[in-house]
Amino acid sequence: MRHKIAGRKLNRKSSHRISLLKNLSKSLIRNEQIETTLPKAKDLRPFVEKLLHRGKKNDLHSRRKVYNELRDMTLVNKIFDTLAKRYSKRNGGYVRILKSGYRYGDASPKAIIELIDRDENAKGLSDKIRLKEKQESDGKSKDVSADLETSIKPKTEEKKTLKAETQGSKKETETKK
């Protein structure tokens, strides 16, 4: 019987599972938002919250413990310098999990896991679109809409030019035959 056994196996051996959590936590701390499956996100949350809580202590022992988990000094410095200051008044709950639908190939539930109160520069296009919709409902959508158009247009223009180039090369090969 599995009484009082915490955590999930995630269909991996223990060493693989530990390295998976360490790699996911590195990505989460570096990018402040990642998308993964829901069970992985639920296992990752307490792992990252313990690291961030250690970051608030800011002593040598805590630095060594966090470095032992992450093995990347830039991420350790980010935890102790920027994230510890950001979460100094918060007693816990540094990480948020948002369900984001199902994966196309195998219908596994996906989730976005992100740090609470993350940096504005770390926010992606989806956050800008959500902000635009919110401002349109409030009646003030001037600043973000211009920014969105510049960030979206080049990608669509590139796709159109690539499509035209590939169609042109297909026509040339047909005429040569």
Protein backbone atom coordinates (compact mmCIF):
# COMPACT_ATOMS: atom_id res chain seq x y z
CA MET A 1 0.00 0.00 0.00
CA ARG A 2 1.13 3.55 -0.73
CA HIS A 3 0.18 5.25 2.51
CA LYS A 4 1.83 8.64 3.10
CA ILE A 5 4.11 8.46 0.05
CA ALA A 6 4.35 11.95 -1.39
CA GLY A 7 5.17 12.89 -4.96
CA ARG A 8 4.62 11.29 -8.32
CA LYS A 9 6.77 8.79 -10.17
CA LEU A 10 6.16 10.38 -13.60
CA ASN A 11 7.11 7.04 -15.24
CA ARG A 12 10.80 7.64 -14.54
CA LYS A 13 13.50 6.19 -12.34
CA SER A 14 14.42 8.28 -9.31
CA SER A 15 17.62 9.72 -10.79
CA HIS A 16 15.83 10.69 -14.00
CA ARG A 17 12.97 12.23 -12.03
CA ILE A 18 15.36 14.30 -9.88
CA SER A 19 17.27 15.57 -12.92
CA LEU A 20 13.96 16.40 -14.61
CA LEU A 21 12.89 18.52 -11.64
CA LYS A 22 16.26 20.26 -11.52
CA ASN A 23 16.17 21.07 -15.24
CA LEU A 24 12.57 22.31 -15.05
CA SER A 25 13.43 24.47 -12.05
CA LYS A 26 16.42 25.96 -13.90
CA SER A 27 14.18 26.85 -16.83
CA LEU A 28 11.51 28.30 -14.56
CA ILE A 29 13.96 30.49 -12.66
CA ARG A 30 15.69 31.61 -15.86
CA ASN A 31 12.53 32.40 -17.87
CA GLU A 32 10.08 32.95 -14.98
CA GLN A 33 7.40 31.08 -16.96
CA ILE A 34 7.38 27.67 -18.66
CA GLU A 35 4.79 25.33 -20.14
CA THR A 36 4.83 21.66 -19.20
CA THR A 37 2.40 18.89 -18.31
CA LEU A 38 0.18 19.32 -15.28
CA PRO A 39 1.67 16.49 -13.13
CA LYS A 40 5.21 17.80 -13.74
CA ALA A 41 4.08 21.31 -12.80
CA LYS A 42 2.46 20.04 -9.61
CA ASP A 43 5.69 18.26 -8.63
CA LEU A 44 7.82 21.25 -9.59
CA ARG A 45 5.99 23.81 -7.46
CA PRO A 46 7.17 22.66 -3.98
CA PHE A 47 10.69 22.06 -5.31
CA VAL A 48 11.01 25.64 -6.59
CA GLU A 49 9.26 27.17 -3.60
CA LYS A 50 11.79 25.56 -1.26
CA LEU A 51 14.63 27.04 -3.34
CA LEU A 52 13.06 30.50 -3.28
CA HIS A 53 12.43 30.26 0.45
CA ARG A 54 16.09 29.41 1.00
CA GLY A 55 16.95 32.47 -1.09
CA LYS A 56 15.30 34.72 1.47
CA LYS A 57 17.69 33.54 4.22
CA ASN A 58 20.75 34.82 2.30
CA ASP A 59 23.50 33.04 4.20
CA LEU A 60 26.38 30.89 2.98
CA HIS A 61 24.73 27.59 3.91
CA SER A 62 21.58 28.47 1.95
CA ARG A 63 23.64 29.51 -1.07
CA ARG A 64 25.48 26.20 -1.01
CA LYS A 65 22.24 24.22 -0.70
CA VAL A 66 20.65 26.05 -3.64
CA TYR A 67 23.83 25.66 -5.70
CA ASN A 68 23.81 21.94 -4.91
CA GLU A 69 20.36 21.69 -6.51
CA LEU A 70 20.86 23.99 -9.52
CA ARG A 71 24.61 23.81 -10.33
CA ASP A 72 24.44 27.22 -12.02
CA MET A 73 25.87 30.24 -10.22
CA THR A 74 23.99 32.80 -12.35
CA LEU A 75 20.67 31.28 -11.28
CA VAL A 76 21.79 31.14 -7.65
CA ASN A 77 22.69 34.83 -7.82
CA LYS A 78 19.32 35.58 -9.41
CA ILE A 79 17.51 33.79 -6.59
CA PHE A 80 19.45 35.50 -3.82
CA ASP A 81 19.68 38.98 -5.37
CA THR A 82 16.54 39.68 -7.39
CA LEU A 83 13.94 37.08 -6.43
CA ALA A 84 14.65 37.24 -2.69
CA LYS A 85 14.05 41.00 -2.74
CA ARG A 86 10.89 40.55 -4.80
CA TYR A 87 9.43 38.00 -2.38
CA SER A 88 10.76 39.47 0.88
CA LYS A 89 7.26 40.33 2.16
CA ARG A 90 5.61 37.13 0.92
CA ASN A 91 5.53 34.09 3.20
CA GLY A 92 5.00 31.51 0.48
CA GLY A 93 3.12 30.91 -2.72
CA TYR A 94 5.85 32.14 -5.06
CA VAL A 95 4.70 29.95 -7.95
CA ARG A 96 1.38 29.83 -9.82
CA ILE A 97 0.05 26.97 -11.97
CA LEU A 98 -2.43 27.76 -14.75
CA LYS A 99 -4.10 24.99 -16.73
CA SER A 100 -3.66 25.55 -20.46
CA GLY A 101 -5.64 22.88 -22.27
CA TYR A 102 -4.50 19.54 -23.64
CA ARG A 103 -1.55 18.51 -25.79
CA TYR A 104 -2.42 17.68 -29.38
CA GLY A 105 -0.54 14.38 -29.73
CA ASP A 106 -1.60 12.47 -26.63
CA ALA A 107 -4.23 14.71 -24.97
CA SER A 108 -2.21 15.07 -21.79
CA PRO A 109 -3.16 18.11 -19.70
CA LYS A 110 -0.77 21.04 -20.11
CA ALA A 111 -0.06 23.74 -17.56
CA ILE A 112 1.78 27.04 -17.46
CA ILE A 113 3.84 27.42 -14.32
CA GLU A 114 5.10 30.91 -13.54
CA LEU A 115 6.58 32.99 -10.77
CA ILE A 116 4.16 35.37 -9.05
CA ASP A 117 4.82 39.10 -9.68
CA ARG A 118 7.31 38.31 -12.41
CA ASP A 119 9.28 40.95 -14.25
CA GLU A 120 7.47 42.93 -16.97
CA ASN A 121 10.35 42.29 -19.39
CA ALA A 122 9.89 38.54 -18.94
CA LYS A 123 6.27 38.66 -20.02
CA GLY A 124 5.57 37.27 -23.46
CA LEU A 125 3.19 38.00 -26.31
CA SER A 126 0.27 36.17 -24.68
CA ASP A 127 0.44 38.53 -21.70
CA LYS A 128 0.48 41.55 -24.03
CA ILE A 129 -2.60 40.26 -25.85
CA ARG A 130 -4.38 39.67 -22.52
CA LEU A 131 -3.44 43.20 -21.44
CA LYS A 132 -4.77 44.61 -24.72
CA GLU A 133 -8.12 42.85 -24.28
CA LYS A 134 -8.36 44.14 -20.73
CA GLN A 135 -7.61 47.71 -21.81
CA GLU A 136 -10.12 47.51 -24.68
CA SER A 137 -12.81 46.57 -22.20
CA ASP A 138 -11.76 49.58 -20.10
CA GLY A 139 -11.61 51.82 -23.20
CA LYS A 140 -7.91 52.64 -23.38
CA SER A 141 -6.07 50.51 -25.95
CA LYS A 142 -3.70 52.97 -27.64
CA ASP A 143 -0.23 52.09 -26.31
CA VAL A 144 -0.35 48.30 -26.37
CA SER A 145 -2.09 47.91 -29.74
CA ALA A 146 0.71 49.71 -31.60
CA ASP A 147 3.27 47.59 -29.77
CA LEU A 148 1.37 44.41 -30.65
CA GLU A 149 1.13 45.29 -34.34
CA THR A 150 4.88 45.77 -34.60
CA SER A 151 5.58 42.49 -32.80
CA ILE A 152 3.09 40.44 -34.86
CA LYS A 153 3.44 41.88 -38.38
CA PRO A 154 7.02 40.85 -39.19
CA LYS A 155 6.28 37.21 -38.48
CA THR A 156 3.26 37.12 -40.80
CA GLU A 157 5.13 38.97 -43.54
CA GLU A 158 8.00 36.48 -43.27
CA LYS A 159 5.56 33.60 -43.63
CA LYS A 160 4.00 35.19 -46.73
CA THR A 161 7.37 35.73 -48.39
CA LEU A 162 8.50 32.20 -47.56
CA LYS A 163 5.25 30.80 -48.94
CA ALA A 164 5.63 32.80 -52.15
CA GLU A 165 9.24 31.66 -52.55
CA THR A 166 8.36 28.00 -52.09
CA GLN A 167 5.46 28.24 -54.53
CA GLY A 168 7.75 29.91 -57.07
CA SER A 169 10.32 27.13 -56.76
CA LYS A 170 7.58 24.50 -57.20
CA LYS A 171 6.41 26.17 -60.42
CA GLU A 172 9.98 26.27 -61.74
CA THR A 173 10.45 22.54 -61.13
CA GLU A 174 7.14 21.76 -62.85
CA THR A 175 8.10 23.74 -65.96
CA LYS A 176 11.51 22.00 -66.14
CA LYS A 177 9.84 18.57 -66.21
